[in-house]
Full PDB file with SEQRES, HELIX, SHEET, SSBOND, CRYST1, ORIGX, SCALE, CONECT and MASTER records, all heavy atoms in Angstrom:
SEQRES   1 A   36  LYS SER ALA ARG SER LEU GLY LEU PHE ARG ALA GLU TRP          
SEQRES   2 A   36  LEU ALA ASP TYR TYR ARG LEU ARG GLN PRO ALA LEU PRO          
SEQRES   3 A   36  LEU LEU LEU GLU ARG LEU GLN GLU GLU GLY                      
HELIX    1 AA1 SER A    2  LEU A    6  1                                   5    
HELIX    2 AA2 ALA A   11  TRP A   13  5                                   3    
HELIX    3 AA3 ALA A   15  TYR A   18  5                                   4    
HELIX    4 AA4 LEU A   25  GLU A   34  1                                  10    
CRYST1    1.000    1.000    1.000  90.00  90.00  90.00 P 1           1          
ORIGX1      1.000000  0.000000  0.000000        0.00000                         
ORIGX2      0.000000  1.000000  0.000000        0.00000                         
ORIGX3      0.000000  0.000000  1.000000        0.00000                         
SCALE1      1.000000  0.000000  0.000000        0.00000                         
SCALE2      0.000000  1.000000  0.000000        0.00000                         
SCALE3      0.000000  0.000000  1.000000        0.00000                         
ATOM      1  N   LYS A   1     -21.974   3.015  44.643  1.00  0.00           N  
ATOM      2  CA  LYS A   1     -20.796   2.285  45.125  1.00  0.00           C  
ATOM      3  C   LYS A   1     -21.032   0.777  45.059  1.00  0.00           C  
ATOM      4  O   LYS A   1     -20.123   0.004  44.720  1.00  0.00           O  
ATOM      5  CB  LYS A   1     -20.457   2.697  46.559  1.00  0.00           C  
ATOM      6  CG  LYS A   1     -19.746   4.037  46.686  1.00  0.00           C  
ATOM      7  CD  LYS A   1     -19.508   4.379  48.141  1.00  0.00           C  
ATOM      8  CE  LYS A   1     -18.695   5.664  48.278  1.00  0.00           C  
ATOM      9  NZ  LYS A   1     -17.274   5.468  47.942  1.00  0.00           N  
ATOM     10  N   SER A   2     -22.240   0.352  45.388  1.00  0.00           N  
ATOM     11  CA  SER A   2     -22.574  -1.073  45.316  1.00  0.00           C  
ATOM     12  C   SER A   2     -22.413  -1.583  43.887  1.00  0.00           C  
ATOM     13  O   SER A   2     -21.871  -2.672  43.659  1.00  0.00           O  
ATOM     14  CB  SER A   2     -24.012  -1.308  45.787  1.00  0.00           C  
ATOM     15  OG  SER A   2     -24.212  -0.823  47.092  1.00  0.00           O  
ATOM     16  N   ALA A   3     -22.884  -0.796  42.924  1.00  0.00           N  
ATOM     17  CA  ALA A   3     -22.759  -1.183  41.519  1.00  0.00           C  
ATOM     18  C   ALA A   3     -21.295  -1.339  41.124  1.00  0.00           C  
ATOM     19  O   ALA A   3     -20.910  -2.300  40.441  1.00  0.00           O  
ATOM     20  CB  ALA A   3     -23.441  -0.135  40.630  1.00  0.00           C  
ATOM     21  N   ARG A   4     -20.458  -0.413  41.583  1.00  0.00           N  
ATOM     22  CA  ARG A   4     -19.032  -0.492  41.247  1.00  0.00           C  
ATOM     23  C   ARG A   4     -18.366  -1.691  41.915  1.00  0.00           C  
ATOM     24  O   ARG A   4     -17.561  -2.399  41.305  1.00  0.00           O  
ATOM     25  CB  ARG A   4     -18.331   0.806  41.659  1.00  0.00           C  
ATOM     26  CG  ARG A   4     -16.830   0.830  41.352  1.00  0.00           C  
ATOM     27  CD  ARG A   4     -16.182   2.118  41.814  1.00  0.00           C  
ATOM     28  NE  ARG A   4     -16.484   2.448  43.197  1.00  0.00           N  
ATOM     29  CZ  ARG A   4     -15.910   1.850  44.254  1.00  0.00           C  
ATOM     30  NH1 ARG A   4     -15.031   0.879  44.079  1.00  0.00           N  
ATOM     31  NH2 ARG A   4     -16.238   2.212  45.471  1.00  0.00           N  
ATOM     32  N   SER A   5     -18.693  -1.934  43.181  1.00  0.00           N  
ATOM     33  CA  SER A   5     -18.036  -3.021  43.906  1.00  0.00           C  
ATOM     34  C   SER A   5     -18.516  -4.398  43.453  1.00  0.00           C  
ATOM     35  O   SER A   5     -17.754  -5.360  43.484  1.00  0.00           O  
ATOM     36  CB  SER A   5     -18.258  -2.859  45.414  1.00  0.00           C  
ATOM     37  OG  SER A   5     -17.577  -1.711  45.887  1.00  0.00           O  
ATOM     38  N   LEU A   6     -19.784  -4.492  43.038  1.00  0.00           N  
ATOM     39  CA  LEU A   6     -20.276  -5.755  42.496  1.00  0.00           C  
ATOM     40  C   LEU A   6     -19.761  -5.971  41.076  1.00  0.00           C  
ATOM     41  O   LEU A   6     -19.532  -7.102  40.665  1.00  0.00           O  
ATOM     42  CB  LEU A   6     -21.806  -5.780  42.508  1.00  0.00           C  
ATOM     43  CG  LEU A   6     -22.463  -5.934  43.882  1.00  0.00           C  
ATOM     44  CD1 LEU A   6     -23.966  -5.684  43.782  1.00  0.00           C  
ATOM     45  CD2 LEU A   6     -22.197  -7.316  44.467  1.00  0.00           C  
ATOM     46  N   GLY A   7     -19.597  -4.886  40.344  1.00  0.00           N  
ATOM     47  CA  GLY A   7     -19.068  -4.987  38.986  1.00  0.00           C  
ATOM     48  C   GLY A   7     -20.113  -5.435  38.002  1.00  0.00           C  
ATOM     49  O   GLY A   7     -20.492  -4.713  37.086  1.00  0.00           O  
ATOM     50  N   LEU A   8     -20.578  -6.654  38.168  1.00  0.00           N  
ATOM     51  CA  LEU A   8     -21.680  -7.191  37.383  1.00  0.00           C  
ATOM     52  C   LEU A   8     -22.776  -7.604  38.352  1.00  0.00           C  
ATOM     53  O   LEU A   8     -22.501  -8.256  39.367  1.00  0.00           O  
ATOM     54  CB  LEU A   8     -21.234  -8.385  36.543  1.00  0.00           C  
ATOM     55  CG  LEU A   8     -22.369  -8.969  35.693  1.00  0.00           C  
ATOM     56  CD1 LEU A   8     -21.916  -9.247  34.285  1.00  0.00           C  
ATOM     57  CD2 LEU A   8     -23.002 -10.193  36.328  1.00  0.00           C  
ATOM     58  N   PHE A   9     -24.017  -7.255  38.030  1.00  0.00           N  
ATOM     59  CA  PHE A   9     -25.074  -7.511  39.009  1.00  0.00           C  
ATOM     60  C   PHE A   9     -26.446  -7.538  38.352  1.00  0.00           C  
ATOM     61  O   PHE A   9     -26.668  -6.917  37.306  1.00  0.00           O  
ATOM     62  CB  PHE A   9     -25.068  -6.424  40.094  1.00  0.00           C  
ATOM     63  CG  PHE A   9     -25.238  -5.026  39.563  1.00  0.00           C  
ATOM     64  CD1 PHE A   9     -26.497  -4.440  39.474  1.00  0.00           C  
ATOM     65  CD2 PHE A   9     -24.142  -4.294  39.127  1.00  0.00           C  
ATOM     66  CE1 PHE A   9     -26.654  -3.166  38.972  1.00  0.00           C  
ATOM     67  CE2 PHE A   9     -24.292  -3.006  38.624  1.00  0.00           C  
ATOM     68  CZ  PHE A   9     -25.563  -2.444  38.549  1.00  0.00           C  
ATOM     69  N   ARG A  10     -27.345  -8.273  38.976  1.00  0.00           N  
ATOM     70  CA  ARG A  10     -28.769  -8.132  38.696  1.00  0.00           C  
ATOM     71  C   ARG A  10     -29.271  -6.964  39.539  1.00  0.00           C  
ATOM     72  O   ARG A  10     -28.776  -6.728  40.650  1.00  0.00           O  
ATOM     73  CB  ARG A  10     -29.524  -9.409  39.059  1.00  0.00           C  
ATOM     74  CG  ARG A  10     -29.072 -10.626  38.277  1.00  0.00           C  
ATOM     75  CD  ARG A  10     -29.846 -11.862  38.675  1.00  0.00           C  
ATOM     76  NE  ARG A  10     -31.191 -11.853  38.088  1.00  0.00           N  
ATOM     77  CZ  ARG A  10     -32.030 -12.879  38.175  1.00  0.00           C  
ATOM     78  NH1 ARG A  10     -31.682 -13.970  38.846  1.00  0.00           N  
ATOM     79  NH2 ARG A  10     -33.212 -12.815  37.621  1.00  0.00           N  
ATOM     80  N   ALA A  11     -30.255  -6.261  39.038  1.00  0.00           N  
ATOM     81  CA  ALA A  11     -30.716  -5.043  39.712  1.00  0.00           C  
ATOM     82  C   ALA A  11     -31.123  -5.302  41.155  1.00  0.00           C  
ATOM     83  O   ALA A  11     -30.834  -4.505  42.053  1.00  0.00           O  
ATOM     84  CB  ALA A  11     -31.884  -4.437  38.929  1.00  0.00           C  
ATOM     85  N   GLU A  12     -31.758  -6.445  41.402  1.00  0.00           N  
ATOM     86  CA  GLU A  12     -32.260  -6.719  42.756  1.00  0.00           C  
ATOM     87  C   GLU A  12     -31.155  -7.058  43.752  1.00  0.00           C  
ATOM     88  O   GLU A  12     -31.413  -7.177  44.946  1.00  0.00           O  
ATOM     89  CB  GLU A  12     -33.309  -7.845  42.724  1.00  0.00           C  
ATOM     90  CG  GLU A  12     -32.827  -9.155  42.152  1.00  0.00           C  
ATOM     91  CD  GLU A  12     -33.121  -9.300  40.665  1.00  0.00           C  
ATOM     92  OE1 GLU A  12     -33.134  -8.269  39.953  1.00  0.00           O  
ATOM     93  OE2 GLU A  12     -33.321 -10.448  40.220  1.00  0.00           O  
ATOM     94  N   TRP A  13     -29.905  -7.215  43.284  1.00  0.00           N  
ATOM     95  CA  TRP A  13     -28.792  -7.485  44.204  1.00  0.00           C  
ATOM     96  C   TRP A  13     -28.260  -6.209  44.861  1.00  0.00           C  
ATOM     97  O   TRP A  13     -27.555  -6.281  45.871  1.00  0.00           O  
ATOM     98  CB  TRP A  13     -27.634  -8.138  43.460  1.00  0.00           C  
ATOM     99  CG  TRP A  13     -27.904  -9.499  42.904  1.00  0.00           C  
ATOM    100  CD1 TRP A  13     -28.978 -10.306  43.170  1.00  0.00           C  
ATOM    101  CD2 TRP A  13     -27.092 -10.218  41.965  1.00  0.00           C  
ATOM    102  NE1 TRP A  13     -28.882 -11.475  42.454  1.00  0.00           N  
ATOM    103  CE2 TRP A  13     -27.734 -11.445  41.698  1.00  0.00           C  
ATOM    104  CE3 TRP A  13     -25.898  -9.924  41.319  1.00  0.00           C  
ATOM    105  CZ2 TRP A  13     -27.200 -12.393  40.816  1.00  0.00           C  
ATOM    106  CZ3 TRP A  13     -25.365 -10.862  40.440  1.00  0.00           C  
ATOM    107  CH2 TRP A  13     -26.010 -12.082  40.195  1.00  0.00           C  
ATOM    108  N   LEU A  14     -28.543  -5.058  44.289  1.00  0.00           N  
ATOM    109  CA  LEU A  14     -27.873  -3.826  44.715  1.00  0.00           C  
ATOM    110  C   LEU A  14     -28.156  -3.451  46.170  1.00  0.00           C  
ATOM    111  O   LEU A  14     -27.255  -3.096  46.920  1.00  0.00           O  
ATOM    112  CB  LEU A  14     -28.282  -2.652  43.821  1.00  0.00           C  
ATOM    113  CG  LEU A  14     -27.510  -2.443  42.522  1.00  0.00           C  
ATOM    114  CD1 LEU A  14     -28.018  -1.192  41.831  1.00  0.00           C  
ATOM    115  CD2 LEU A  14     -26.011  -2.334  42.774  1.00  0.00           C  
ATOM    116  N   ALA A  15     -29.424  -3.488  46.573  1.00  0.00           N  
ATOM    117  CA  ALA A  15     -29.823  -2.905  47.857  1.00  0.00           C  
ATOM    118  C   ALA A  15     -29.176  -3.607  49.047  1.00  0.00           C  
ATOM    119  O   ALA A  15     -28.872  -2.975  50.066  1.00  0.00           O  
ATOM    120  CB  ALA A  15     -31.342  -2.929  47.995  1.00  0.00           C  
ATOM    121  N   ASP A  16     -28.935  -4.922  48.938  1.00  0.00           N  
ATOM    122  CA  ASP A  16     -28.418  -5.670  50.087  1.00  0.00           C  
ATOM    123  C   ASP A  16     -27.013  -5.233  50.488  1.00  0.00           C  
ATOM    124  O   ASP A  16     -26.627  -5.381  51.646  1.00  0.00           O  
ATOM    125  CB  ASP A  16     -28.418  -7.176  49.778  1.00  0.00           C  
ATOM    126  CG  ASP A  16     -27.826  -7.993  50.917  1.00  0.00           C  
ATOM    127  OD1 ASP A  16     -28.522  -8.161  51.944  1.00  0.00           O  
ATOM    128  OD2 ASP A  16     -26.656  -8.421  50.813  1.00  0.00           O  
ATOM    129  N   TYR A  17     -26.255  -4.700  49.540  1.00  0.00           N  
ATOM    130  CA  TYR A  17     -24.842  -4.429  49.815  1.00  0.00           C  
ATOM    131  C   TYR A  17     -24.679  -3.501  51.017  1.00  0.00           C  
ATOM    132  O   TYR A  17     -23.832  -3.717  51.879  1.00  0.00           O  
ATOM    133  CB  TYR A  17     -24.179  -3.828  48.572  1.00  0.00           C  
ATOM    134  CG  TYR A  17     -22.709  -4.149  48.445  1.00  0.00           C  
ATOM    135  CD1 TYR A  17     -22.291  -5.390  47.957  1.00  0.00           C  
ATOM    136  CD2 TYR A  17     -21.741  -3.234  48.809  1.00  0.00           C  
ATOM    137  CE1 TYR A  17     -20.945  -5.692  47.836  1.00  0.00           C  
ATOM    138  CE2 TYR A  17     -20.386  -3.519  48.687  1.00  0.00           C  
ATOM    139  CZ  TYR A  17     -19.993  -4.753  48.202  1.00  0.00           C  
ATOM    140  OH  TYR A  17     -18.656  -5.052  48.092  1.00  0.00           O  
ATOM    141  N   TYR A  18     -25.504  -2.458  51.096  1.00  0.00           N  
ATOM    142  CA  TYR A  18     -25.495  -1.546  52.246  1.00  0.00           C  
ATOM    143  C   TYR A  18     -26.743  -1.731  53.122  1.00  0.00           C  
ATOM    144  O   TYR A  18     -27.061  -0.863  53.936  1.00  0.00           O  
ATOM    145  CB  TYR A  18     -25.429  -0.090  51.779  1.00  0.00           C  
ATOM    146  CG  TYR A  18     -24.056   0.386  51.379  1.00  0.00           C  
ATOM    147  CD1 TYR A  18     -23.637   0.322  50.060  1.00  0.00           C  
ATOM    148  CD2 TYR A  18     -23.174   0.939  52.315  1.00  0.00           C  
ATOM    149  CE1 TYR A  18     -22.385   0.787  49.671  1.00  0.00           C  
ATOM    150  CE2 TYR A  18     -21.925   1.403  51.940  1.00  0.00           C  
ATOM    151  CZ  TYR A  18     -21.538   1.335  50.622  1.00  0.00           C  
ATOM    152  OH  TYR A  18     -20.285   1.803  50.245  1.00  0.00           O  
ATOM    153  N   ARG A  19     -27.441  -2.864  52.939  1.00  0.00           N  
ATOM    154  CA  ARG A  19     -28.646  -3.149  53.718  1.00  0.00           C  
ATOM    155  C   ARG A  19     -29.690  -2.030  53.581  1.00  0.00           C  
ATOM    156  O   ARG A  19     -30.239  -1.542  54.565  1.00  0.00           O  
ATOM    157  CB  ARG A  19     -28.302  -3.350  55.198  1.00  0.00           C  
ATOM    158  CG  ARG A  19     -27.610  -4.658  55.505  1.00  0.00           C  
ATOM    159  CD  ARG A  19     -28.607  -5.816  55.488  1.00  0.00           C  
ATOM    160  NE  ARG A  19     -28.076  -6.965  56.220  1.00  0.00           N  
ATOM    161  CZ  ARG A  19     -27.493  -8.015  55.653  1.00  0.00           C  
ATOM    162  NH1 ARG A  19     -27.341  -8.046  54.341  1.00  0.00           N  
ATOM    163  NH2 ARG A  19     -27.076  -9.025  56.380  1.00  0.00           N  
ATOM    164  N   LEU A  20     -29.943  -1.638  52.340  1.00  0.00           N  
ATOM    165  CA  LEU A  20     -30.942  -0.617  52.067  1.00  0.00           C  
ATOM    166  C   LEU A  20     -32.274  -1.272  51.705  1.00  0.00           C  
ATOM    167  O   LEU A  20     -32.313  -2.420  51.259  1.00  0.00           O  
ATOM    168  CB  LEU A  20     -30.488   0.269  50.904  1.00  0.00           C  
ATOM    169  CG  LEU A  20     -29.160   1.003  51.081  1.00  0.00           C  
ATOM    170  CD1 LEU A  20     -28.781   1.718  49.789  1.00  0.00           C  
ATOM    171  CD2 LEU A  20     -29.243   1.992  52.236  1.00  0.00           C  
ATOM    172  N   ARG A  21     -33.343  -0.538  51.893  1.00  0.00           N  
ATOM    173  CA  ARG A  21     -34.627  -0.999  51.379  1.00  0.00           C  
ATOM    174  C   ARG A  21     -34.564  -0.975  49.858  1.00  0.00           C  
ATOM    175  O   ARG A  21     -33.884  -0.148  49.261  1.00  0.00           O  
ATOM    176  CB  ARG A  21     -35.760  -0.098  51.878  1.00  0.00           C  
ATOM    177  CG  ARG A  21     -36.032  -0.269  53.356  1.00  0.00           C  
ATOM    178  CD  ARG A  21     -37.184   0.602  53.802  1.00  0.00           C  
ATOM    179  NE  ARG A  21     -37.461   0.409  55.220  1.00  0.00           N  
ATOM    180  CZ  ARG A  21     -38.337   1.117  55.915  1.00  0.00           C  
ATOM    181  NH1 ARG A  21     -39.029   2.079  55.311  1.00  0.00           N  
ATOM    182  NH2 ARG A  21     -38.526   0.880  57.197  1.00  0.00           N  
ATOM    183  N   GLN A  22     -35.318  -1.891  49.238  1.00  0.00           N  
ATOM    184  CA  GLN A  22     -35.287  -1.977  47.774  1.00  0.00           C  
ATOM    185  C   GLN A  22     -35.766  -0.653  47.174  1.00  0.00           C  
ATOM    186  O   GLN A  22     -36.871  -0.199  47.454  1.00  0.00           O  
ATOM    187  CB  GLN A  22     -36.191  -3.125  47.315  1.00  0.00           C  
ATOM    188  CG  GLN A  22     -35.956  -3.582  45.897  1.00  0.00           C  
ATOM    189  CD  GLN A  22     -34.588  -4.191  45.653  1.00  0.00           C  
ATOM    190  OE1 GLN A  22     -33.685  -3.509  45.161  1.00  0.00           O  
ATOM    191  NE2 GLN A  22     -34.416  -5.450  45.998  1.00  0.00           N  
ATOM    192  N   PRO A  23     -34.932  -0.004  46.370  1.00  0.00           N  
ATOM    193  CA  PRO A  23     -35.335   1.280  45.774  1.00  0.00           C  
ATOM    194  C   PRO A  23     -36.263   1.061  44.575  1.00  0.00           C  
ATOM    195  O   PRO A  23     -36.509  -0.080  44.160  1.00  0.00           O  
ATOM    196  CB  PRO A  23     -33.993   1.869  45.323  1.00  0.00           C  
ATOM    197  CG  PRO A  23     -33.163   0.664  44.993  1.00  0.00           C  
ATOM    198  CD  PRO A  23     -33.588  -0.411  45.963  1.00  0.00           C  
ATOM    199  N   ALA A  24     -36.756   2.145  44.018  1.00  0.00           N  
ATOM    200  CA  ALA A  24     -37.510   2.077  42.760  1.00  0.00           C  
ATOM    201  C   ALA A  24     -36.498   1.785  41.653  1.00  0.00           C  
ATOM    202  O   ALA A  24     -35.808   2.688  41.160  1.00  0.00           O  
ATOM    203  CB  ALA A  24     -38.229   3.397  42.509  1.00  0.00           C  
ATOM    204  N   LEU A  25     -36.379   0.520  41.289  1.00  0.00           N  
ATOM    205  CA  LEU A  25     -35.270   0.088  40.434  1.00  0.00           C  
ATOM    206  C   LEU A  25     -35.260   0.740  39.049  1.00  0.00           C  
ATOM    207  O   LEU A  25     -34.193   1.160  38.584  1.00  0.00           O  
ATOM    208  CB  LEU A  25     -35.271  -1.439  40.308  1.00  0.00           C  
ATOM    209  CG  LEU A  25     -34.840  -2.183  41.585  1.00  0.00           C  
ATOM    210  CD1 LEU A  25     -35.020  -3.683  41.424  1.00  0.00           C  
ATOM    211  CD2 LEU A  25     -33.393  -1.867  41.929  1.00  0.00           C  
ATOM    212  N   PRO A  26     -36.398   0.866  38.345  1.00  0.00           N  
ATOM    213  CA  PRO A  26     -36.320   1.500  37.013  1.00  0.00           C  
ATOM    214  C   PRO A  26     -35.739   2.910  37.060  1.00  0.00           C  
ATOM    215  O   PRO A  26     -34.898   3.271  36.230  1.00  0.00           O  
ATOM    216  CB  PRO A  26     -37.788   1.509  36.556  1.00  0.00           C  
ATOM    217  CG  PRO A  26     -38.422   0.380  37.302  1.00  0.00           C  
ATOM    218  CD  PRO A  26     -37.751   0.366  38.637  1.00  0.00           C  
ATOM    219  N   LEU A  27     -36.157   3.700  38.056  1.00  0.00           N  
ATOM    220  CA  LEU A  27     -35.643   5.065  38.181  1.00  0.00           C  
ATOM    221  C   LEU A  27     -34.155   5.060  38.528  1.00  0.00           C  
ATOM    222  O   LEU A  27     -33.368   5.848  37.992  1.00  0.00           O  
ATOM    223  CB  LEU A  27     -36.423   5.833  39.245  1.00  0.00           C  
ATOM    224  CG  LEU A  27     -37.879   6.178  38.908  1.00  0.00           C  
ATOM    225  CD1 LEU A  27     -38.569   6.788  40.126  1.00  0.00           C  
ATOM    226  CD2 LEU A  27     -37.937   7.129  37.721  1.00  0.00           C  
ATOM    227  N   LEU A  28     -33.770   4.171  39.455  1.00  0.00           N  
ATOM    228  CA  LEU A  28     -32.359   4.080  39.854  1.00  0.00           C  
ATOM    229  C   LEU A  28     -31.481   3.695  38.668  1.00  0.00           C  
ATOM    230  O   LEU A  28     -30.445   4.320  38.411  1.00  0.00           O  
ATOM    231  CB  LEU A  28     -32.196   3.057  40.983  1.00  0.00           C  
ATOM    232  CG  LEU A  28     -30.750   2.691  41.319  1.00  0.00           C  
ATOM    233  CD1 LEU A  28     -30.023   3.878  41.935  1.00  0.00           C  
ATOM    234  CD2 LEU A  28     -30.693   1.478  42.244  1.00  0.00           C  
ATOM    235  N   LEU A  29     -31.882   2.666  37.935  1.00  0.00           N  
ATOM    236  CA  LEU A  29     -31.071   2.179  36.821  1.00  0.00           C  
ATOM    237  C   LEU A  29     -30.967   3.232  35.717  1.00  0.00           C  
ATOM    238  O   LEU A  29     -29.901   3.403  35.110  1.00  0.00           O  
ATOM    239  CB  LEU A  29     -31.671   0.879  36.277  1.00  0.00           C  
ATOM    240  CG  LEU A  29     -31.668  -0.291  37.279  1.00  0.00           C  
ATOM    241  CD1 LEU A  29     -32.525  -1.430  36.761  1.00  0.00           C  
ATOM    242  CD2 LEU A  29     -30.248  -0.769  37.564  1.00  0.00           C  
ATOM    243  N   GLU A  30     -32.056   3.950  35.496  1.00  0.00           N  
ATOM    244  CA  GLU A  30     -32.032   5.022  34.499  1.00  0.00           C  
ATOM    245  C   GLU A  30     -31.038   6.109  34.908  1.00  0.00           C  
ATOM    246  O   GLU A  30     -30.239   6.590  34.083  1.00  0.00           O  
ATOM    247  CB  GLU A  30     -33.436   5.605  34.348  1.00  0.00           C  
ATOM    248  CG  GLU A  30     -33.543   6.668  33.261  1.00  0.00           C  
ATOM    249  CD  GLU A  30     -34.949   7.220  33.134  1.00  0.00           C  
ATOM    250  OE1 GLU A  30     -35.898   6.617  33.707  1.00  0.00           O  
ATOM    251  OE2 GLU A  30     -35.114   8.268  32.478  1.00  0.00           O  
ATOM    252  N   ARG A  31     -31.053   6.469  36.188  1.00  0.00           N  
ATOM    253  CA  ARG A  31     -30.142   7.517  36.653  1.00  0.00           C  
ATOM    254  C   ARG A  31     -28.691   7.045  36.596  1.00  0.00           C  
ATOM    255  O   ARG A  31     -27.801   7.809  36.177  1.00  0.00           O  
ATOM    256  CB  ARG A  31     -30.516   7.930  38.083  1.00  0.00           C  
ATOM    257  CG  ARG A  31     -29.663   9.071  38.606  1.00  0.00           C  
ATOM    258  CD  ARG A  31     -30.136   9.570  39.947  1.00  0.00           C  
ATOM    259  NE  ARG A  31     -29.172  10.491  40.547  1.00  0.00           N  
ATOM    260  CZ  ARG A  31     -29.247  10.957  41.783  1.00  0.00           C  
ATOM    261  NH1 ARG A  31     -30.264  10.605  42.564  1.00  0.00           N  
ATOM    262  NH2 ARG A  31     -28.321  11.772  42.257  1.00  0.00           N  
ATOM    263  N   LEU A  32     -28.426   5.803  37.019  1.00  0.00           N  
ATOM    264  CA  LEU A  32     -27.053   5.282  36.971  1.00  0.00           C  
ATOM    265  C   LEU A  32     -26.540   5.221  35.534  1.00  0.00           C  
ATOM    266  O   LEU A  32     -25.358   5.464  35.270  1.00  0.00           O  
ATOM    267  CB  LEU A  32     -26.987   3.904  37.630  1.00  0.00           C  
ATOM    268  CG  LEU A  32     -27.138   3.874  39.151  1.00  0.00           C  
ATOM    269  CD1 LEU A  32     -27.212   2.433  39.653  1.00  0.00           C  
ATOM    270  CD2 LEU A  32     -25.987   4.609  39.847  1.00  0.00           C  
ATOM    271  N   GLN A  33     -27.436   4.915  34.588  1.00  0.00           N  
ATOM    272  CA  GLN A  33     -27.036   4.936  33.173  1.00  0.00           C  
ATOM    273  C   GLN A  33     -26.730   6.364  32.711  1.00  0.00           C  
ATOM    274  O   GLN A  33     -25.728   6.594  32.027  1.00  0.00           O  
ATOM    275  CB  GLN A  33     -28.154   4.358  32.301  1.00  0.00           C  
ATOM    276  CG  GLN A  33     -28.250   2.840  32.327  1.00  0.00           C  
ATOM    277  CD  GLN A  33     -29.282   2.354  31.330  1.00  0.00           C  
ATOM    278  OE1 GLN A  33     -28.981   2.110  30.162  1.00  0.00           O  
ATOM    279  NE2 GLN A  33     -30.515   2.214  31.784  1.00  0.00           N  
ATOM    280  N   GLU A  34     -27.592   7.294  33.080  1.00  0.00           N  
ATOM    281  CA  GLU A  34     -27.390   8.690  32.679  1.00  0.00           C  
ATOM    282  C   GLU A  34     -26.078   9.243  33.233  1.00  0.00           C  
ATOM    283  O   GLU A  34     -25.418  10.069  32.598  1.00  0.00           O  
ATOM    284  CB  GLU A  34     -28.561   9.548  33.155  1.00  0.00           C  
ATOM    285  CG  GLU A  34     -29.850   9.316  32.377  1.00  0.00           C  
ATOM    286  CD  GLU A  34     -31.029  10.055  32.985  1.00  0.00           C  
ATOM    287  OE1 GLU A  34     -30.865  10.647  34.077  1.00  0.00           O  
ATOM    288  OE2 GLU A  34     -32.116  10.039  32.372  1.00  0.00           O  
ATOM    289  N   GLU A  35     -25.698   8.776  34.426  1.00  0.00           N  
ATOM    290  CA  GLU A  35     -24.446   9.223  35.038  1.00  0.00           C  
ATOM    291  C   GLU A  35     -23.224   8.528  34.444  1.00  0.00           C  
ATOM    292  O   GLU A  35     -22.088   8.825  34.823  1.00  0.00           O  
ATOM    293  CB  GLU A  35     -24.497   8.971  36.552  1.00  0.00           C  
ATOM    294  CG  GLU A  35     -25.515   9.844  37.278  1.00  0.00           C  
ATOM    295  CD  GLU A  35     -25.777   9.399  38.715  1.00  0.00           C  
ATOM    296  OE1 GLU A  35     -25.375   8.275  39.084  1.00  0.00           O  
ATOM    297  OE2 GLU A  35     -26.391  10.172  39.464  1.00  0.00           O  
ATOM    298  N   GLY A  36     -23.474   7.578  33.533  1.00  0.00           N  
ATOM    299  CA  GLY A  36     -22.369   6.865  32.899  1.00  0.00           C  
ATOM    300  C   GLY A  36     -21.759   5.781  33.753  1.00  0.00           C  
ATOM    301  O   GLY A  36     -20.626   5.346  33.507  1.00  0.00           O  
TER     302      GLY A  36                                                      
MASTER        0    0    0    4    0    0    0    6  301    1    0    3          
END                                                                             
């Protein structure tokens, strides 16, 4: 949801949107790409 609401983003911007701890970004980005 953060990715959709930001629209365009650097990977390190994602976690702050819902105040989450920084995730494992390579794995997250790979999964978000696979999900289209």
